[in-house]
Amino acid sequence: MPIIMVQEMPGVTQAQYEQVTDRVSGGKGGLGSRADYPVPGLISHAAGPTPDGWIVVDVWESEEALQRFSEHLLPALREAGVPEDRPKIFSAFNVITD
């Protein structure tokens, strides 16, 4: 079952986001397509600034796929100095991809 992951990160900057995505993509300069992700299962990704930091909203095929990705993401977040915080996870009722 698809899931929605929402990660609100107060105090995080675009530079930190770019540092994380560069590391997760294996130095490709970021995550520009699903093929850049180190694990399969991503349906969609959106990220952007908020009034006090940064937000990421992903849709994953399953919570297991997100967990596999987290094994790559967490070390990159630590390296970039992003405070650890648990994302909010929701079951997706409807996912439209085209």
PDB file of N, CA and C in Angstrom:
ATOM      1  N   MET A   1       0.839  -1.176   0.000  1.00  0.00           N
ATOM      2  CA  MET A   1       0.000   0.000   0.000  1.00  0.00           C
ATOM      3  C   MET A   1       0.885   1.240   0.000  1.00  0.00           C
ATOM      4  N   PRO A   2       0.625   2.205  -0.897  1.00  0.00           N
ATOM      5  CA  PRO A   2       1.431   3.424  -0.919  1.00  0.00           C
ATOM      6  C   PRO A   2       1.284   4.223   0.366  1.00  0.00           C
ATOM      7  N   ILE A   3       2.353   4.926   0.680  1.00  0.00           N
ATOM      8  CA  ILE A   3       2.358   5.791   1.856  1.00  0.00           C
ATOM      9  C   ILE A   3       2.841   7.185   1.469  1.00  0.00           C
ATOM     10  N   ILE A   4       2.424   8.153   2.261  1.00  0.00           N
ATOM     11  CA  ILE A   4       2.865   9.540   2.109  1.00  0.00           C
ATOM     12  C   ILE A   4       3.771   9.850   3.287  1.00  0.00           C
ATOM     13  N   MET A   5       4.944  10.393   3.002  1.00  0.00           N
ATOM     14  CA  MET A   5       5.895  10.771   4.034  1.00  0.00           C
ATOM     15  C   MET A   5       6.039  12.291   3.998  1.00  0.00           C
ATOM     16  N   VAL A   6       5.815  12.932   5.140  1.00  0.00           N
ATOM     17  CA  VAL A   6       5.967  14.382   5.259  1.00  0.00           C
ATOM     18  C   VAL A   6       7.043  14.653   6.294  1.00  0.00           C
ATOM     19  N   GLN A   7       8.082  15.366   5.880  1.00  0.00           N
ATOM     20  CA  GLN A   7       9.186  15.695   6.782  1.00  0.00           C
ATOM     21  C   GLN A   7       9.335  17.213   6.817  1.00  0.00           C
ATOM     22  N   GLU A   8       8.923  17.819   7.923  1.00  0.00           N
ATOM     23  CA  GLU A   8       9.110  19.251   8.123  1.00  0.00           C
ATOM     24  C   GLU A   8      10.393  19.435   8.925  1.00  0.00           C
ATOM     25  N   MET A   9      11.274  20.322   8.438  1.00  0.00           N
ATOM     26  CA  MET A   9      12.590  20.464   9.047  1.00  0.00           C
ATOM     27  C   MET A   9      12.897  21.927   9.350  1.00  0.00           C
ATOM     28  N   PRO A  10      12.468  22.408  10.521  1.00  0.00           N
ATOM     29  CA  PRO A  10      12.761  23.792  10.897  1.00  0.00           C
ATOM     30  C   PRO A  10      14.269  24.033  10.940  1.00  0.00           C
ATOM     31  N   GLY A  11      14.669  25.189  10.416  1.00  0.00           N
ATOM     32  CA  GLY A  11      16.074  25.577  10.459  1.00  0.00           C
ATOM     33  C   GLY A  11      16.926  24.994   9.350  1.00  0.00           C
ATOM     34  N   VAL A  12      16.400  24.077   8.563  1.00  0.00           N
ATOM     35  CA  VAL A  12      17.175  23.458   7.485  1.00  0.00           C
ATOM     36  C   VAL A  12      17.157  24.380   6.269  1.00  0.00           C
ATOM     37  N   THR A  13      18.277  24.450   5.578  1.00  0.00           N
ATOM     38  CA  THR A  13      18.443  25.341   4.433  1.00  0.00           C
ATOM     39  C   THR A  13      18.444  24.566   3.115  1.00  0.00           C
ATOM     40  N   GLN A  14      18.308  25.300   2.039  1.00  0.00           N
ATOM     41  CA  GLN A  14      18.400  24.689   0.713  1.00  0.00           C
ATOM     42  C   GLN A  14      19.789  24.078   0.515  1.00  0.00           C
ATOM     43  N   ALA A  15      20.820  24.736   1.016  1.00  0.00           N
ATOM     44  CA  ALA A  15      22.178  24.195   0.876  1.00  0.00           C
ATOM     45  C   ALA A  15      22.293  22.836   1.569  1.00  0.00           C
ATOM     46  N   GLN A  16      21.703  22.689   2.743  1.00  0.00           N
ATOM     47  CA  GLN A  16      21.733  21.393   3.426  1.00  0.00           C
ATOM     48  C   GLN A  16      20.963  20.343   2.631  1.00  0.00           C
ATOM     49  N   TYR A  17      19.792  20.723   2.106  1.00  0.00           N
ATOM     50  CA  TYR A  17      19.013  19.803   1.285  1.00  0.00           C
ATOM     51  C   TYR A  17      19.845  19.334   0.084  1.00  0.00           C
ATOM     52  N   GLU A  18      20.498  20.265  -0.583  1.00  0.00           N
ATOM     53  CA  GLU A  18      21.312  19.916  -1.745  1.00  0.00           C
ATOM     54  C   GLU A  18      22.491  19.031  -1.359  1.00  0.00           C
ATOM     55  N   GLN A  19      23.095  19.262  -0.207  1.00  0.00           N
ATOM     56  CA  GLN A  19      24.186  18.410   0.270  1.00  0.00           C
ATOM     57  C   GLN A  19      23.686  16.979   0.486  1.00  0.00           C
ATOM     58  N   VAL A  20      22.518  16.855   1.099  1.00  0.00           N
ATOM     59  CA  VAL A  20      21.948  15.531   1.357  1.00  0.00           C
ATOM     60  C   VAL A  20      21.629  14.823   0.043  1.00  0.00           C
ATOM     61  N   THR A  21      20.969  15.519  -0.872  1.00  0.00           N
ATOM     62  CA  THR A  21      20.591  14.858  -2.129  1.00  0.00           C
ATOM     63  C   THR A  21      21.810  14.491  -2.968  1.00  0.00           C
ATOM     64  N   ASP A  22      22.857  15.286  -2.898  1.00  0.00           N
ATOM     65  CA  ASP A  22      24.082  14.937  -3.624  1.00  0.00           C
ATOM     66  C   ASP A  22      24.685  13.651  -3.068  1.00  0.00           C
ATOM     67  N   ARG A  23      24.723  13.539  -1.749  1.00  0.00           N
ATOM     68  CA  ARG A  23      25.288  12.322  -1.146  1.00  0.00           C
ATOM     69  C   ARG A  23      24.417  11.106  -1.438  1.00  0.00           C
ATOM     70  N   VAL A  24      23.105  11.252  -1.300  1.00  0.00           N
ATOM     71  CA  VAL A  24      22.201  10.122  -1.522  1.00  0.00           C
ATOM     72  C   VAL A  24      22.264   9.658  -2.981  1.00  0.00           C
ATOM     73  N   SER A  25      22.481  10.585  -3.912  1.00  0.00           N
ATOM     74  CA  SER A  25      22.546  10.227  -5.331  1.00  0.00           C
ATOM     75  C   SER A  25      23.914   9.697  -5.737  1.00  0.00           C
ATOM     76  N   GLY A  26      24.809   9.566  -4.778  1.00  0.00           N
ATOM     77  CA  GLY A  26      26.147   9.072  -5.101  1.00  0.00           C
ATOM     78  C   GLY A  26      27.009  10.106  -5.794  1.00  0.00           C
ATOM     79  N   GLY A  27      26.768  11.379  -5.499  1.00  0.00           N
ATOM     80  CA  GLY A  27      27.583  12.450  -6.064  1.00  0.00           C
ATOM     81  C   GLY A  27      27.134  12.920  -7.437  1.00  0.00           C
ATOM     82  N   LYS A  28      25.919  12.596  -7.838  1.00  0.00           N
ATOM     83  CA  LYS A  28      25.400  13.015  -9.146  1.00  0.00           C
ATOM     84  C   LYS A  28      24.912  14.457  -9.152  1.00  0.00           C
ATOM     85  N   GLY A  29      25.005  15.128  -8.013  1.00  0.00           N
ATOM     86  CA  GLY A  29      24.552  16.506  -7.942  1.00  0.00           C
ATOM     87  C   GLY A  29      23.124  16.657  -7.488  1.00  0.00           C
ATOM     88  N   GLY A  30      22.498  15.583  -7.085  1.00  0.00           N
ATOM     89  CA  GLY A  30      21.136  15.678  -6.577  1.00  0.00           C
ATOM     90  C   GLY A  30      20.260  14.569  -7.097  1.00  0.00           C
ATOM     91  N   LEU A  31      18.999  14.681  -6.739  1.00  0.00           N
ATOM     92  CA  LEU A  31      18.003  13.682  -7.109  1.00  0.00           C
ATOM     93  C   LEU A  31      17.057  14.302  -8.125  1.00  0.00           C
ATOM     94  N   GLY A  32      17.334  14.105  -9.397  1.00  0.00           N
ATOM     95  CA  GLY A  32      16.528  14.705 -10.442  1.00  0.00           C
ATOM     96  C   GLY A  32      15.490  13.780 -11.030  1.00  0.00           C
ATOM     97  N   SER A  33      15.641  12.484 -10.767  1.00  0.00           N
ATOM     98  CA  SER A  33      14.664  11.514 -11.261  1.00  0.00           C
ATOM     99  C   SER A  33      14.638  10.326 -10.308  1.00  0.00           C
ATOM    100  N   ARG A  34      13.622   9.491 -10.451  1.00  0.00           N
ATOM    101  CA  ARG A  34      13.537   8.311  -9.587  1.00  0.00           C
ATOM    102  C   ARG A  34      14.738   7.395  -9.790  1.00  0.00           C
ATOM    103  N   ALA A  35      15.337   7.419 -10.964  1.00  0.00           N
ATOM    104  CA  ALA A  35      16.512   6.587 -11.239  1.00  0.00           C
ATOM    105  C   ALA A  35      17.718   7.003 -10.402  1.00  0.00           C
ATOM    106  N   ASP A  36      17.722   8.228  -9.881  1.00  0.00           N
ATOM    107  CA  ASP A  36      18.837   8.705  -9.053  1.00  0.00           C
ATOM    108  C   ASP A  36      18.770   8.182  -7.621  1.00  0.00           C
ATOM    109  N   TYR A  37      17.648   7.601  -7.231  1.00  0.00           N
ATOM    110  CA  TYR A  37      17.489   7.097  -5.869  1.00  0.00           C
ATOM    111  C   TYR A  37      18.213   5.762  -5.728  1.00  0.00           C
ATOM    112  N   PRO A  38      18.822   5.513  -4.578  1.00  0.00           N
ATOM    113  CA  PRO A  38      19.605   4.287  -4.396  1.00  0.00           C
ATOM    114  C   PRO A  38      18.766   3.031  -4.200  1.00  0.00           C
ATOM    115  N   VAL A  39      17.452   3.176  -4.069  1.00  0.00           N
ATOM    116  CA  VAL A  39      16.551   2.025  -3.897  1.00  0.00           C
ATOM    117  C   VAL A  39      15.301   2.257  -4.746  1.00  0.00           C
ATOM    118  N   PRO A  40      14.637   1.189  -5.161  1.00  0.00           N
ATOM    119  CA  PRO A  40      13.381   1.356  -5.891  1.00  0.00           C
ATOM    120  C   PRO A  40      12.227   1.649  -4.928  1.00  0.00           C
ATOM    121  N   GLY A  41      11.131   2.149  -5.463  1.00  0.00           N
ATOM    122  CA  GLY A  41       9.925   2.312  -4.662  1.00  0.00           C
ATOM    123  C   GLY A  41       9.396   3.718  -4.549  1.00  0.00           C
ATOM    124  N   LEU A  42      10.167   4.719  -4.973  1.00  0.00           N
ATOM    125  CA  LEU A  42       9.675   6.098  -4.909  1.00  0.00           C
ATOM    126  C   LEU A  42       8.640   6.319  -6.004  1.00  0.00           C
ATOM    127  N   ILE A  43       7.512   6.911  -5.642  1.00  0.00           N
ATOM    128  CA  ILE A  43       6.496   7.287  -6.621  1.00  0.00           C
ATOM    129  C   ILE A  43       6.633   8.763  -6.968  1.00  0.00           C
ATOM    130  N   SER A  44       6.774   9.619  -5.948  1.00  0.00           N
ATOM    131  CA  SER A  44       6.964  11.055  -6.207  1.00  0.00           C
ATOM    132  C   SER A  44       7.715  11.708  -5.053  1.00  0.00           C
ATOM    133  N   HIS A  45       8.326  12.853  -5.367  1.00  0.00           N
ATOM    134  CA  HIS A  45       9.104  13.606  -4.384  1.00  0.00           C
ATOM    135  C   HIS A  45       8.890  15.086  -4.664  1.00  0.00           C
ATOM    136  N   ALA A  46       8.660  15.844  -3.613  1.00  0.00           N
ATOM    137  CA  ALA A  46       8.585  17.303  -3.709  1.00  0.00           C
ATOM    138  C   ALA A  46       9.272  17.877  -2.477  1.00  0.00           C
ATOM    139  N   ALA A  47       9.998  18.967  -2.672  1.00  0.00           N
ATOM    140  CA  ALA A  47      10.698  19.611  -1.562  1.00  0.00           C
ATOM    141  C   ALA A  47      10.741  21.108  -1.810  1.00  0.00           C
ATOM    142  N   GLY A  48      10.753  21.863  -0.720  1.00  0.00           N
ATOM    143  CA  GLY A  48      10.835  23.300  -0.868  1.00  0.00           C
ATOM    144  C   GLY A  48      10.927  24.011   0.458  1.00  0.00           C
ATOM    145  N   PRO A  49      11.164  25.318   0.373  1.00  0.00           N
ATOM    146  CA  PRO A  49      11.311  26.107   1.596  1.00  0.00           C
ATOM    147  C   PRO A  49       9.972  26.353   2.276  1.00  0.00           C
ATOM    148  N   THR A  50      10.046  26.504   3.583  1.00  0.00           N
ATOM    149  CA  THR A  50       8.918  26.929   4.396  1.00  0.00           C
ATOM    150  C   THR A  50       9.333  28.234   5.076  1.00  0.00           C
ATOM    151  N   PRO A  51       8.417  28.904   5.757  1.00  0.00           N
ATOM    152  CA  PRO A  51       8.816  30.144   6.439  1.00  0.00           C
ATOM    153  C   PRO A  51       9.949  29.946   7.444  1.00  0.00           C
ATOM    154  N   ASP A  52      10.103  28.724   7.981  1.00  0.00           N
ATOM    155  CA  ASP A  52      11.144  28.533   9.001  1.00  0.00           C
ATOM    156  C   ASP A  52      12.101  27.380   8.695  1.00  0.00           C
ATOM    157  N   GLY A  53      12.139  26.900   7.459  1.00  0.00           N
ATOM    158  CA  GLY A  53      13.052  25.806   7.154  1.00  0.00           C
ATOM    159  C   GLY A  53      12.763  25.159   5.819  1.00  0.00           C
ATOM    160  N   TRP A  54      12.583  23.848   5.835  1.00  0.00           N
ATOM    161  CA  TRP A  54      12.443  23.069   4.603  1.00  0.00           C
ATOM    162  C   TRP A  54      11.415  21.968   4.822  1.00  0.00           C
ATOM    163  N   ILE A  55      10.731  21.556   3.743  1.00  0.00           N
ATOM    164  CA  ILE A  55       9.769  20.466   3.823  1.00  0.00           C
ATOM    165  C   ILE A  55       9.998  19.503   2.662  1.00  0.00           C
ATOM    166  N   VAL A  56       9.816  18.220   2.946  1.00  0.00           N
ATOM    167  CA  VAL A  56       9.880  17.174   1.926  1.00  0.00           C
ATOM    168  C   VAL A  56       8.605  16.355   2.023  1.00  0.00           C
ATOM    169  N   VAL A  57       7.990  16.103   0.869  1.00  0.00           N
ATOM    170  CA  VAL A  57       6.798  15.258   0.797  1.00  0.00           C
ATOM    171  C   VAL A  57       7.065  14.194  -0.261  1.00  0.00           C
ATOM    172  N   ASP A  58       7.091  12.951   0.160  1.00  0.00           N
ATOM    173  CA  ASP A  58       7.322  11.824  -0.740  1.00  0.00           C
ATOM    174  C   ASP A  58       6.114  10.910  -0.741  1.00  0.00           C
ATOM    175  N   VAL A  59       5.923  10.211  -1.839  1.00  0.00           N
ATOM    176  CA  VAL A  59       4.990   9.095  -1.902  1.00  0.00           C
ATOM    177  C   VAL A  59       5.827   7.877  -2.271  1.00  0.00           C
ATOM    178  N   TRP A  60       5.715   6.838  -1.453  1.00  0.00           N
ATOM    179  CA  TRP A  60       6.470   5.597  -1.639  1.00  0.00           C
ATOM    180  C   TRP A  60       5.507   4.444  -1.867  1.00  0.00           C
ATOM    181  N   GLU A  61       5.964   3.441  -2.591  1.00  0.00           N
ATOM    182  CA  GLU A  61       5.139   2.259  -2.853  1.00  0.00           C
ATOM    183  C   GLU A  61       4.739   1.544  -1.575  1.00  0.00           C
ATOM    184  N   SER A  62       5.595   1.630  -0.546  1.00  0.00           N
ATOM    185  CA  SER A  62       5.326   0.946   0.721  1.00  0.00           C
ATOM    186  C   SER A  62       6.204   1.542   1.805  1.00  0.00           C
ATOM    187  N   GLU A  63       5.841   1.258   3.044  1.00  0.00           N
ATOM    188  CA  GLU A  63       6.671   1.693   4.169  1.00  0.00           C
ATOM    189  C   GLU A  63       8.016   0.973   4.146  1.00  0.00           C
ATOM    190  N   GLU A  64       8.042  -0.246   3.650  1.00  0.00           N
ATOM    191  CA  GLU A  64       9.301  -0.997   3.542  1.00  0.00           C
ATOM    192  C   GLU A  64      10.264  -0.314   2.565  1.00  0.00           C
ATOM    193  N   ALA A  65       9.741   0.197   1.450  1.00  0.00           N
ATOM    194  CA  ALA A  65      10.589   0.903   0.487  1.00  0.00           C
ATOM    195  C   ALA A  65      11.171   2.165   1.118  1.00  0.00           C
ATOM    196  N   LEU A  66      10.353   2.895   1.865  1.00  0.00           N
ATOM    197  CA  LEU A  66      10.849   4.079   2.567  1.00  0.00           C
ATOM    198  C   LEU A  66      11.921   3.690   3.576  1.00  0.00           C
ATOM    199  N   GLN A  67      11.733   2.601   4.280  1.00  0.00           N
ATOM    200  CA  GLN A  67      12.722   2.148   5.258  1.00  0.00           C
ATOM    201  C   GLN A  67      14.057   1.842   4.577  1.00  0.00           C
ATOM    202  N   ARG A  68      14.017   1.182   3.428  1.00  0.00           N
ATOM    203  CA  ARG A  68      15.258   0.890   2.692  1.00  0.00           C
ATOM    204  C   ARG A  68      15.955   2.188   2.295  1.00  0.00           C
ATOM    205  N   PHE A  69      15.175   3.178   1.851  1.00  0.00           N
ATOM    206  CA  PHE A  69      15.763   4.465   1.494  1.00  0.00           C
ATOM    207  C   PHE A  69      16.360   5.153   2.717  1.00  0.00           C
ATOM    208  N   SER A  70      15.690   5.043   3.855  1.00  0.00           N
ATOM    209  CA  SER A  70      16.164   5.693   5.087  1.00  0.00           C
ATOM    210  C   SER A  70      17.557   5.222   5.479  1.00  0.00           C
ATOM    211  N   GLU A  71      17.902   4.004   5.134  1.00  0.00           N
ATOM    212  CA  GLU A  71      19.241   3.493   5.433  1.00  0.00           C
ATOM    213  C   GLU A  71      20.317   4.299   4.711  1.00  0.00           C
ATOM    214  N   HIS A  72      19.980   4.900   3.579  1.00  0.00           N
ATOM    215  CA  HIS A  72      20.910   5.774   2.846  1.00  0.00           C
ATOM    216  C   HIS A  72      20.759   7.229   3.295  1.00  0.00           C
ATOM    217  N   LEU A  73      19.535   7.607   3.609  1.00  0.00           N
ATOM    218  CA  LEU A  73      19.235   8.999   3.933  1.00  0.00           C
ATOM    219  C   LEU A  73      19.769   9.432   5.287  1.00  0.00           C
ATOM    220  N   LEU A  74      19.580   8.623   6.309  1.00  0.00           N
ATOM    221  CA  LEU A  74      19.944   9.048   7.672  1.00  0.00           C
ATOM    222  C   LEU A  74      21.414   9.430   7.809  1.00  0.00           C
ATOM    223  N   PRO A  75      22.368   8.660   7.275  1.00  0.00           N
ATOM    224  CA  PRO A  75      23.769   9.099   7.373  1.00  0.00           C
ATOM    225  C   PRO A  75      24.016  10.430   6.655  1.00  0.00           C
ATOM    226  N   ALA A  76      23.340  10.652   5.530  1.00  0.00           N
ATOM    227  CA  ALA A  76      23.504  11.906   4.797  1.00  0.00           C
ATOM    228  C   ALA A  76      22.941  13.081   5.579  1.00  0.00           C
ATOM    229  N   LEU A  77      21.795  12.880   6.243  1.00  0.00           N
ATOM    230  CA  LEU A  77      21.222  13.942   7.070  1.00  0.00           C
ATOM    231  C   LEU A  77      22.158  14.300   8.220  1.00  0.00           C
ATOM    232  N   ARG A  78      22.715  13.286   8.871  1.00  0.00           N
ATOM    233  CA  ARG A  78      23.647  13.542   9.981  1.00  0.00           C
ATOM    234  C   ARG A  78      24.864  14.328   9.498  1.00  0.00           C
ATOM    235  N   GLU A  79      25.415  13.908   8.366  1.00  0.00           N
ATOM    236  CA  GLU A  79      26.602  14.573   7.815  1.00  0.00           C
ATOM    237  C   GLU A  79      26.322  16.041   7.505  1.00  0.00           C
ATOM    238  N   ALA A  80      25.096  16.346   7.064  1.00  0.00           N
ATOM    239  CA  ALA A  80      24.732  17.723   6.707  1.00  0.00           C
ATOM    240  C   ALA A  80      24.312  18.548   7.920  1.00  0.00           C
ATOM    241  N   GLY A  81      24.272  17.929   9.097  1.00  0.00           N
ATOM    242  CA  GLY A  81      23.900  18.660  10.301  1.00  0.00           C
ATOM    243  C   GLY A  81      22.403  18.889  10.433  1.00  0.00           C
ATOM    244  N   VAL A  82      21.604  18.053   9.766  1.00  0.00           N
ATOM    245  CA  VAL A  82      20.151  18.176   9.863  1.00  0.00           C
ATOM    246  C   VAL A  82      19.693  17.452  11.122  1.00  0.00           C
ATOM    247  N   PRO A  83      18.976  18.141  12.001  1.00  0.00           N
ATOM    248  CA  PRO A  83      18.515  17.493  13.236  1.00  0.00           C
ATOM    249  C   PRO A  83      17.606  16.297  12.933  1.00  0.00           C
ATOM    250  N   GLU A  84      17.766  15.239  13.702  1.00  0.00           N
ATOM    251  CA  GLU A  84      16.929  14.053  13.507  1.00  0.00           C
ATOM    252  C   GLU A  84      15.531  14.314  14.043  1.00  0.00           C
ATOM    253  N   ASP A  85      14.569  13.951  13.234  1.00  0.00           N
ATOM    254  CA  ASP A  85      13.168  14.090  13.610  1.00  0.00           C
ATOM    255  C   ASP A  85      12.393  13.052  12.820  1.00  0.00           C
ATOM    256  N   ARG A  86      11.441  12.437  13.440  1.00  0.00           N
ATOM    257  CA  ARG A  86      10.651  11.398  12.763  1.00  0.00           C
ATOM    258  C   ARG A  86       9.676  12.034  11.786  1.00  0.00           C
ATOM    259  N   PRO A  87       9.662  11.542  10.556  1.00  0.00           N
ATOM    260  CA  PRO A  87       8.683  12.069   9.604  1.00  0.00           C
ATOM    261  C   PRO A  87       7.277  11.587   9.950  1.00  0.00           C
ATOM    262  N   LYS A  88       6.303  12.272   9.421  1.00  0.00           N
ATOM    263  CA  LYS A  88       4.909  11.849   9.554  1.00  0.00           C
ATOM    264  C   LYS A  88       4.605  10.917   8.384  1.00  0.00           C
ATOM    265  N   ILE A  89       3.994   9.783   8.684  1.00  0.00           N
ATOM    266  CA  ILE A  89       3.668   8.778   7.675  1.00  0.00           C
ATOM    267  C   ILE A  89       2.150   8.601   7.640  1.00  0.00           C
ATOM    268  N   PHE A  90       1.601   8.633   6.438  1.00  0.00           N
ATOM    269  CA  PHE A  90       0.165   8.470   6.240  1.00  0.00           C
ATOM    270  C   PHE A  90      -0.088   7.435   5.160  1.00  0.00           C
ATOM    271  N   SER A  91      -1.144   6.673   5.283  1.00  0.00           N
ATOM    272  CA  SER A  91      -1.565   5.772   4.213  1.00  0.00           C
ATOM    273  C   SER A  91      -2.126   6.622   3.073  1.00  0.00           C
ATOM    274  N   ALA A  92      -1.782   6.259   1.853  1.00  0.00           N
ATOM    275  CA  ALA A  92      -2.302   6.981   0.689  1.00  0.00           C
ATOM    276  C   ALA A  92      -3.608   6.337   0.248  1.00  0.00           C
ATOM    277  N   PHE A  93      -4.631   7.118   0.118  1.00  0.00           N
ATOM    278  CA  PHE A  93      -5.914   6.638  -0.359  1.00  0.00           C
ATOM    279  C   PHE A  93      -5.974   6.679  -1.879  1.00  0.00           C
ATOM    280  N   ASN A  94      -5.383   7.727  -2.467  1.00  0.00           N
ATOM    281  CA  ASN A  94      -5.425   7.917  -3.906  1.00  0.00           C
ATOM    282  C   ASN A  94      -4.083   8.483  -4.361  1.00  0.00           C
ATOM    283  N   VAL A  95      -3.478   7.878  -5.367  1.00  0.00           N
ATOM    284  CA  VAL A  95      -2.215   8.355  -5.928  1.00  0.00           C
ATOM    285  C   VAL A  95      -2.398   8.449  -7.439  1.00  0.00           C
ATOM    286  N   ILE A  96      -2.171   9.616  -7.999  1.00  0.00           N
ATOM    287  CA  ILE A  96      -2.276   9.842  -9.439  1.00  0.00           C
ATOM    288  C   ILE A  96      -0.882  10.160  -9.958  1.00  0.00           C
ATOM    289  N   THR A  97      -0.420   9.426 -10.947  1.00  0.00           N
ATOM    290  CA  THR A  97       0.944   9.612 -11.422  1.00  0.00           C
ATOM    291  C   THR A  97       1.039  10.159 -12.832  1.00  0.00           C
ATOM    292  N   ASP A  98      -0.060  10.263 -13.542  1.00  0.00           N
ATOM    293  CA  ASP A  98       0.006  10.884 -14.865  1.00  0.00           C
ATOM    294  C   ASP A  98      -1.270  11.582 -15.226  1.00  0.00           C
TER     295      ASP A  98
END
